[in-house]
């Protein structure tokens, strides 16, 4: 496990992109996030956590860590659907997990090769895994692959943060794209602040 890190220059350069965000960055505390650089383990963890609460995900994930010697394609593929289900997930998710492990073992998708691809190319590959959609792929880009320019339209909290900071009633894809381009190549850092803004815990600058 690691943490997302950013240089002083990245903070300063993002501030130069937008005056309103810069003022918010002066007010808001900066909370970094934990990362997991093991892409297969992160894929499995994300599938486990779909459509359940964070607390439930933590409980089920602990069972996985206790049950398997390591979260590897070999161990997941060797387990039966019933074994995986017994850890607290649905039959459908168990199938997703085994399917993901088998795709990796057959090298239908090489996880190692993904690191040499662009963000867009990585997303196209990751969504081929069962149960992985664009939003999950974008979160894997941030929290596993450490990509620095990810701003997710599919993330409701990101859109809420933009609405709160800039006074929009809604965020269309066109409006979103203007902000994505404005914040680039510091989209991930902007995402961290927009998530914090969306909490509603801070008085924002006029």
C-alpha atoms as a PDB file:
ATOM      1  CA  UNK A   1       0.000   0.000   0.000  1.00  0.00           C
ATOM      2  CA  UNK A   2       1.153   3.515  -0.770  1.00  0.00           C
ATOM      3  CA  UNK A   3      -0.288   7.005  -1.074  1.00  0.00           C
ATOM      4  CA  UNK A   4      -0.961   9.393  -3.915  1.00  0.00           C
ATOM      5  CA  UNK A   5       1.780  12.009  -3.946  1.00  0.00           C
ATOM      6  CA  UNK A   6       2.068  15.316  -5.765  1.00  0.00           C
ATOM      7  CA  UNK A   7       4.906  17.799  -6.067  1.00  0.00           C
ATOM      8  CA  UNK A   8       4.723  21.433  -4.983  1.00  0.00           C
ATOM      9  CA  UNK A   9       4.861  22.392  -8.659  1.00  0.00           C
ATOM     10  CA  UNK A  10       1.788  20.293  -9.397  1.00  0.00           C
ATOM     11  CA  UNK A  11      -0.192  22.119  -6.707  1.00  0.00           C
ATOM     12  CA  UNK A  12       0.984  25.516  -7.936  1.00  0.00           C
ATOM     13  CA  UNK A  13       0.390  24.749 -11.598  1.00  0.00           C
ATOM     14  CA  UNK A  14      -3.149  23.523 -10.921  1.00  0.00           C
ATOM     15  CA  UNK A  15      -3.889  26.754  -9.049  1.00  0.00           C
ATOM     16  CA  UNK A  16      -2.816  28.712 -12.122  1.00  0.00           C
ATOM     17  CA  UNK A  17      -5.401  26.848 -14.193  1.00  0.00           C
ATOM     18  CA  UNK A  18      -8.423  28.334 -12.419  1.00  0.00           C
ATOM     19  CA  UNK A  19      -8.837  31.190  -9.944  1.00  0.00           C
ATOM     20  CA  UNK A  20     -11.890  29.764  -8.195  1.00  0.00           C
ATOM     21  CA  UNK A  21     -10.320  26.365  -7.665  1.00  0.00           C
ATOM     22  CA  UNK A  22      -7.126  28.076  -6.496  1.00  0.00           C
ATOM     23  CA  UNK A  23      -9.066  29.933  -3.787  1.00  0.00           C
ATOM     24  CA  UNK A  24     -10.761  26.701  -2.717  1.00  0.00           C
ATOM     25  CA  UNK A  25      -7.392  24.947  -2.541  1.00  0.00           C
ATOM     26  CA  UNK A  26      -6.180  27.620  -0.113  1.00  0.00           C
ATOM     27  CA  UNK A  27      -9.132  26.906   2.194  1.00  0.00           C
ATOM     28  CA  UNK A  28      -9.452  23.134   1.955  1.00  0.00           C
ATOM     29  CA  UNK A  29      -7.196  20.678   3.760  1.00  0.00           C
ATOM     30  CA  UNK A  30      -5.429  18.264   1.450  1.00  0.00           C
ATOM     31  CA  UNK A  31      -6.181  14.623   2.135  1.00  0.00           C
ATOM     32  CA  UNK A  32      -4.202  12.160   0.089  1.00  0.00           C
ATOM     33  CA  UNK A  33      -5.570   8.699  -0.608  1.00  0.00           C
ATOM     34  CA  UNK A  34      -4.155   5.220  -0.188  1.00  0.00           C
ATOM     35  CA  UNK A  35      -3.123   3.294  -3.273  1.00  0.00           C
ATOM     36  CA  UNK A  36      -2.646  -0.386  -4.061  1.00  0.00           C
ATOM     37  CA  UNK A  37      -0.114  -0.934  -6.824  1.00  0.00           C
ATOM     38  CA  UNK A  38      -1.135  -4.573  -7.383  1.00  0.00           C
ATOM     39  CA  UNK A  39      -3.489  -4.245 -10.349  1.00  0.00           C
ATOM     40  CA  UNK A  40      -4.984  -7.735 -10.151  1.00  0.00           C
ATOM     41  CA  UNK A  41      -5.694  -7.419  -6.424  1.00  0.00           C
ATOM     42  CA  UNK A  42      -7.271  -4.015  -7.053  1.00  0.00           C
ATOM     43  CA  UNK A  43      -9.480  -5.444  -9.797  1.00  0.00           C
ATOM     44  CA  UNK A  44     -10.722  -8.134  -7.423  1.00  0.00           C
ATOM     45  CA  UNK A  45     -11.247  -5.659  -4.578  1.00  0.00           C
ATOM     46  CA  UNK A  46     -13.246  -3.346  -6.828  1.00  0.00           C
ATOM     47  CA  UNK A  47     -15.511  -6.144  -8.032  1.00  0.00           C
ATOM     48  CA  UNK A  48     -16.041  -7.277  -4.435  1.00  0.00           C
ATOM     49  CA  UNK A  49     -17.048  -3.744  -3.446  1.00  0.00           C
ATOM     50  CA  UNK A  50     -19.593  -3.105  -6.175  1.00  0.00           C
ATOM     51  CA  UNK A  51     -23.117  -2.195  -5.000  1.00  0.00           C
ATOM     52  CA  UNK A  52     -22.364  -2.667  -1.303  1.00  0.00           C
ATOM     53  CA  UNK A  53     -21.445  -0.193   1.419  1.00  0.00           C
ATOM     54  CA  UNK A  54     -17.838   0.635   2.210  1.00  0.00           C
ATOM     55  CA  UNK A  55     -18.205  -1.059   5.595  1.00  0.00           C
ATOM     56  CA  UNK A  56     -19.560  -4.223   3.987  1.00  0.00           C
ATOM     57  CA  UNK A  57     -16.742  -4.166   1.445  1.00  0.00           C
ATOM     58  CA  UNK A  58     -14.146  -3.954   4.214  1.00  0.00           C
ATOM     59  CA  UNK A  59     -15.737  -6.937   5.978  1.00  0.00           C
ATOM     60  CA  UNK A  60     -15.894  -9.099   2.854  1.00  0.00           C
ATOM     61  CA  UNK A  61     -12.413  -8.081   1.719  1.00  0.00           C
ATOM     62  CA  UNK A  62     -10.975  -9.102   5.081  1.00  0.00           C
ATOM     63  CA  UNK A  63     -12.516 -12.545   4.564  1.00  0.00           C
ATOM     64  CA  UNK A  64     -10.802 -12.775   1.174  1.00  0.00           C
ATOM     65  CA  UNK A  65      -7.450 -11.814   2.674  1.00  0.00           C
ATOM     66  CA  UNK A  66      -7.893 -14.351   5.468  1.00  0.00           C
ATOM     67  CA  UNK A  67      -9.057 -17.142   3.143  1.00  0.00           C
ATOM     68  CA  UNK A  68      -6.568 -16.884   0.292  1.00  0.00           C
ATOM     69  CA  UNK A  69      -2.797 -17.127   0.875  1.00  0.00           C
ATOM     70  CA  UNK A  70      -2.541 -14.240  -1.602  1.00  0.00           C
ATOM     71  CA  UNK A  71      -4.919 -12.533  -4.008  1.00  0.00           C
ATOM     72  CA  UNK A  72      -3.488 -13.928  -7.237  1.00  0.00           C
ATOM     73  CA  UNK A  73      -5.063 -15.127 -10.498  1.00  0.00           C
ATOM     74  CA  UNK A  74      -4.008 -18.679  -9.654  1.00  0.00           C
ATOM     75  CA  UNK A  75      -5.711 -18.749  -6.253  1.00  0.00           C
ATOM     76  CA  UNK A  76      -8.927 -17.117  -7.467  1.00  0.00           C
ATOM     77  CA  UNK A  77      -9.171 -19.341 -10.555  1.00  0.00           C
ATOM     78  CA  UNK A  78      -8.615 -22.502  -8.492  1.00  0.00           C
ATOM     79  CA  UNK A  79     -11.385 -21.666  -6.019  1.00  0.00           C
ATOM     80  CA  UNK A  80     -14.890 -22.939  -6.734  1.00  0.00           C
ATOM     81  CA  UNK A  81     -17.806 -20.564  -7.161  1.00  0.00           C
ATOM     82  CA  UNK A  82     -19.223 -21.946  -3.926  1.00  0.00           C
ATOM     83  CA  UNK A  83     -16.000 -21.218  -2.042  1.00  0.00           C
ATOM     84  CA  UNK A  84     -15.972 -17.641  -3.277  1.00  0.00           C
ATOM     85  CA  UNK A  85     -19.668 -17.191  -2.500  1.00  0.00           C
ATOM     86  CA  UNK A  86     -19.108 -18.431   1.037  1.00  0.00           C
ATOM     87  CA  UNK A  87     -16.972 -15.341   1.669  1.00  0.00           C
ATOM     88  CA  UNK A  88     -20.068 -13.180   1.373  1.00  0.00           C
ATOM     89  CA  UNK A  89     -20.652 -12.259  -2.246  1.00  0.00           C
ATOM     90  CA  UNK A  90     -23.253 -13.117  -4.871  1.00  0.00           C
ATOM     91  CA  UNK A  91     -23.030 -15.964  -7.355  1.00  0.00           C
ATOM     92  CA  UNK A  92     -22.796 -13.396 -10.150  1.00  0.00           C
ATOM     93  CA  UNK A  93     -19.846 -11.607  -8.565  1.00  0.00           C
ATOM     94  CA  UNK A  94     -18.135 -14.919  -7.887  1.00  0.00           C
ATOM     95  CA  UNK A  95     -18.382 -15.589 -11.621  1.00  0.00           C
ATOM     96  CA  UNK A  96     -16.902 -12.175 -12.382  1.00  0.00           C
ATOM     97  CA  UNK A  97     -13.955 -12.889 -10.092  1.00  0.00           C
ATOM     98  CA  UNK A  98     -13.200 -16.275 -11.613  1.00  0.00           C
ATOM     99  CA  UNK A  99     -13.671 -14.865 -15.106  1.00  0.00           C
ATOM    100  CA  UNK A 100     -11.205 -12.072 -14.386  1.00  0.00           C
ATOM    101  CA  UNK A 101      -8.622 -14.491 -12.991  1.00  0.00           C
ATOM    102  CA  UNK A 102      -8.983 -16.831 -15.969  1.00  0.00           C
ATOM    103  CA  UNK A 103      -8.599 -13.968 -18.474  1.00  0.00           C
ATOM    104  CA  UNK A 104      -5.356 -12.922 -16.793  1.00  0.00           C
ATOM    105  CA  UNK A 105      -4.008 -16.483 -16.669  1.00  0.00           C
ATOM    106  CA  UNK A 106      -4.824 -17.008 -20.350  1.00  0.00           C
ATOM    107  CA  UNK A 107      -3.170 -13.651 -21.065  1.00  0.00           C
ATOM    108  CA  UNK A 108      -6.270 -12.460 -22.896  1.00  0.00           C
ATOM    109  CA  UNK A 109      -5.270  -9.157 -21.308  1.00  0.00           C
ATOM    110  CA  UNK A 110      -1.732  -8.565 -20.044  1.00  0.00           C
ATOM    111  CA  UNK A 111      -1.887  -6.425 -16.919  1.00  0.00           C
ATOM    112  CA  UNK A 112       1.805  -5.600 -17.247  1.00  0.00           C
ATOM    113  CA  UNK A 113       1.321  -4.255 -20.769  1.00  0.00           C
ATOM    114  CA  UNK A 114      -1.364  -1.834 -19.597  1.00  0.00           C
ATOM    115  CA  UNK A 115       1.279   0.362 -17.992  1.00  0.00           C
ATOM    116  CA  UNK A 116       2.617   1.272 -21.424  1.00  0.00           C
ATOM    117  CA  UNK A 117      -0.770   2.430 -22.731  1.00  0.00           C
ATOM    118  CA  UNK A 118      -2.517   5.797 -22.615  1.00  0.00           C
ATOM    119  CA  UNK A 119      -5.331   6.369 -20.115  1.00  0.00           C
ATOM    120  CA  UNK A 120      -7.969   5.913 -22.828  1.00  0.00           C
ATOM    121  CA  UNK A 121      -6.355   2.699 -24.054  1.00  0.00           C
ATOM    122  CA  UNK A 122      -6.155   1.322 -20.497  1.00  0.00           C
ATOM    123  CA  UNK A 123      -9.867   1.979 -19.967  1.00  0.00           C
ATOM    124  CA  UNK A 124     -10.730   0.166 -23.219  1.00  0.00           C
ATOM    125  CA  UNK A 125      -8.799  -2.873 -21.993  1.00  0.00           C
ATOM    126  CA  UNK A 126     -10.014  -2.875 -18.386  1.00  0.00           C
ATOM    127  CA  UNK A 127     -13.710  -2.757 -19.321  1.00  0.00           C
ATOM    128  CA  UNK A 128     -13.225  -6.089 -21.094  1.00  0.00           C
ATOM    129  CA  UNK A 129     -13.058  -7.711 -17.656  1.00  0.00           C
ATOM    130  CA  UNK A 130     -16.445  -8.915 -16.363  1.00  0.00           C
ATOM    131  CA  UNK A 131     -18.022  -6.440 -13.972  1.00  0.00           C
ATOM    132  CA  UNK A 132     -15.606  -3.588 -14.758  1.00  0.00           C
ATOM    133  CA  UNK A 133     -17.144  -0.408 -16.178  1.00  0.00           C
ATOM    134  CA  UNK A 134     -15.602   2.927 -17.188  1.00  0.00           C
ATOM    135  CA  UNK A 135     -15.855   4.492 -13.711  1.00  0.00           C
ATOM    136  CA  UNK A 136     -14.124   1.542 -12.032  1.00  0.00           C
ATOM    137  CA  UNK A 137     -11.453   1.618 -14.736  1.00  0.00           C
ATOM    138  CA  UNK A 138     -10.864   5.316 -14.051  1.00  0.00           C
ATOM    139  CA  UNK A 139     -10.529   4.688 -10.320  1.00  0.00           C
ATOM    140  CA  UNK A 140      -7.984   1.958 -11.068  1.00  0.00           C
ATOM    141  CA  UNK A 141      -6.071   4.455 -13.199  1.00  0.00           C
ATOM    142  CA  UNK A 142      -5.851   6.750 -10.179  1.00  0.00           C
ATOM    143  CA  UNK A 143      -5.488   4.458  -7.193  1.00  0.00           C
ATOM    144  CA  UNK A 144      -3.490   1.595  -8.691  1.00  0.00           C
ATOM    145  CA  UNK A 145      -1.661   2.907 -11.736  1.00  0.00           C
ATOM    146  CA  UNK A 146      -0.989   6.359 -10.293  1.00  0.00           C
ATOM    147  CA  UNK A 147      -2.125   8.256 -13.378  1.00  0.00           C
ATOM    148  CA  UNK A 148      -2.086  12.011 -12.771  1.00  0.00           C
ATOM    149  CA  UNK A 149      -4.682  13.329 -15.225  1.00  0.00           C
ATOM    150  CA  UNK A 150      -7.954  11.544 -14.446  1.00  0.00           C
ATOM    151  CA  UNK A 151     -11.204  13.471 -13.955  1.00  0.00           C
ATOM    152  CA  UNK A 152     -14.224  11.169 -14.117  1.00  0.00           C
ATOM    153  CA  UNK A 153     -17.531  12.333 -15.581  1.00  0.00           C
ATOM    154  CA  UNK A 154     -19.075   9.121 -14.266  1.00  0.00           C
ATOM    155  CA  UNK A 155     -18.222  10.063 -10.678  1.00  0.00           C
ATOM    156  CA  UNK A 156     -21.268  11.701  -9.067  1.00  0.00           C
ATOM    157  CA  UNK A 157     -19.189  13.360  -6.343  1.00  0.00           C
ATOM    158  CA  UNK A 158     -16.899  14.969  -8.934  1.00  0.00           C
ATOM    159  CA  UNK A 159     -19.909  16.447 -10.732  1.00  0.00           C
ATOM    160  CA  UNK A 160     -21.397  17.570  -7.418  1.00  0.00           C
ATOM    161  CA  UNK A 161     -18.121  19.262  -6.486  1.00  0.00           C
ATOM    162  CA  UNK A 162     -18.081  21.125  -9.800  1.00  0.00           C
ATOM    163  CA  UNK A 163     -21.690  22.245  -9.320  1.00  0.00           C
ATOM    164  CA  UNK A 164     -20.985  23.477  -5.803  1.00  0.00           C
ATOM    165  CA  UNK A 165     -17.784  25.307  -6.700  1.00  0.00           C
ATOM    166  CA  UNK A 166     -18.967  26.933  -9.913  1.00  0.00           C
ATOM    167  CA  UNK A 167     -22.705  27.292  -9.280  1.00  0.00           C
ATOM    168  CA  UNK A 168     -23.980  25.013 -12.040  1.00  0.00           C
ATOM    169  CA  UNK A 169     -27.426  23.431 -11.699  1.00  0.00           C
ATOM    170  CA  UNK A 170     -26.214  20.449 -13.676  1.00  0.00           C
ATOM    171  CA  UNK A 171     -23.006  19.310 -15.341  1.00  0.00           C
ATOM    172  CA  UNK A 172     -23.421  18.251 -18.955  1.00  0.00           C
ATOM    173  CA  UNK A 173     -20.677  16.371 -20.748  1.00  0.00           C
ATOM    174  CA  UNK A 174     -19.867  19.559 -22.645  1.00  0.00           C
ATOM    175  CA  UNK A 175     -19.488  21.611 -19.456  1.00  0.00           C
ATOM    176  CA  UNK A 176     -17.488  18.814 -17.872  1.00  0.00           C
ATOM    177  CA  UNK A 177     -15.139  18.676 -20.836  1.00  0.00           C
ATOM    178  CA  UNK A 178     -14.267  22.368 -20.473  1.00  0.00           C
ATOM    179  CA  UNK A 179     -13.176  21.733 -16.872  1.00  0.00           C
ATOM    180  CA  UNK A 180     -11.336  18.543 -17.773  1.00  0.00           C
ATOM    181  CA  UNK A 181      -9.303  20.417 -20.355  1.00  0.00           C
ATOM    182  CA  UNK A 182      -8.750  23.364 -18.022  1.00  0.00           C
ATOM    183  CA  UNK A 183      -7.392  21.179 -15.197  1.00  0.00           C
ATOM    184  CA  UNK A 184      -5.278  18.947 -17.473  1.00  0.00           C
ATOM    185  CA  UNK A 185      -2.657  17.576 -16.914  1.00  0.00           C
ATOM    186  CA  UNK A 186      -3.550  17.770 -13.202  1.00  0.00           C
ATOM    187  CA  UNK A 187      -6.977  16.115 -13.330  1.00  0.00           C
ATOM    188  CA  UNK A 188      -6.277  13.644 -10.541  1.00  0.00           C
ATOM    189  CA  UNK A 189      -5.221  16.358  -8.107  1.00  0.00           C
ATOM    190  CA  UNK A 190      -8.313  18.380  -9.060  1.00  0.00           C
ATOM    191  CA  UNK A 191     -10.405  15.253  -8.416  1.00  0.00           C
ATOM    192  CA  UNK A 192      -9.137  15.010  -4.841  1.00  0.00           C
ATOM    193  CA  UNK A 193     -10.212  18.577  -4.138  1.00  0.00           C
ATOM    194  CA  UNK A 194     -13.583  18.185  -5.873  1.00  0.00           C
ATOM    195  CA  UNK A 195     -14.307  15.082  -3.795  1.00  0.00           C
ATOM    196  CA  UNK A 196     -13.570  17.108  -0.686  1.00  0.00           C
ATOM    197  CA  UNK A 197     -15.744  20.007  -1.873  1.00  0.00           C
ATOM    198  CA  UNK A 198     -18.651  17.619  -2.553  1.00  0.00           C
ATOM    199  CA  UNK A 199     -18.765  16.700   1.153  1.00  0.00           C
ATOM    200  CA  UNK A 200     -20.326  20.094   1.860  1.00  0.00           C
ATOM    201  CA  UNK A 201     -18.168  20.539   4.952  1.00  0.00           C
ATOM    202  CA  UNK A 202     -16.523  23.776   3.836  1.00  0.00           C
ATOM    203  CA  UNK A 203     -17.558  27.359   3.114  1.00  0.00           C
ATOM    204  CA  UNK A 204     -16.452  27.962  -0.448  1.00  0.00           C
ATOM    205  CA  UNK A 205     -15.097  31.241  -1.850  1.00  0.00           C
ATOM    206  CA  UNK A 206     -17.532  33.514  -3.690  1.00  0.00           C
END
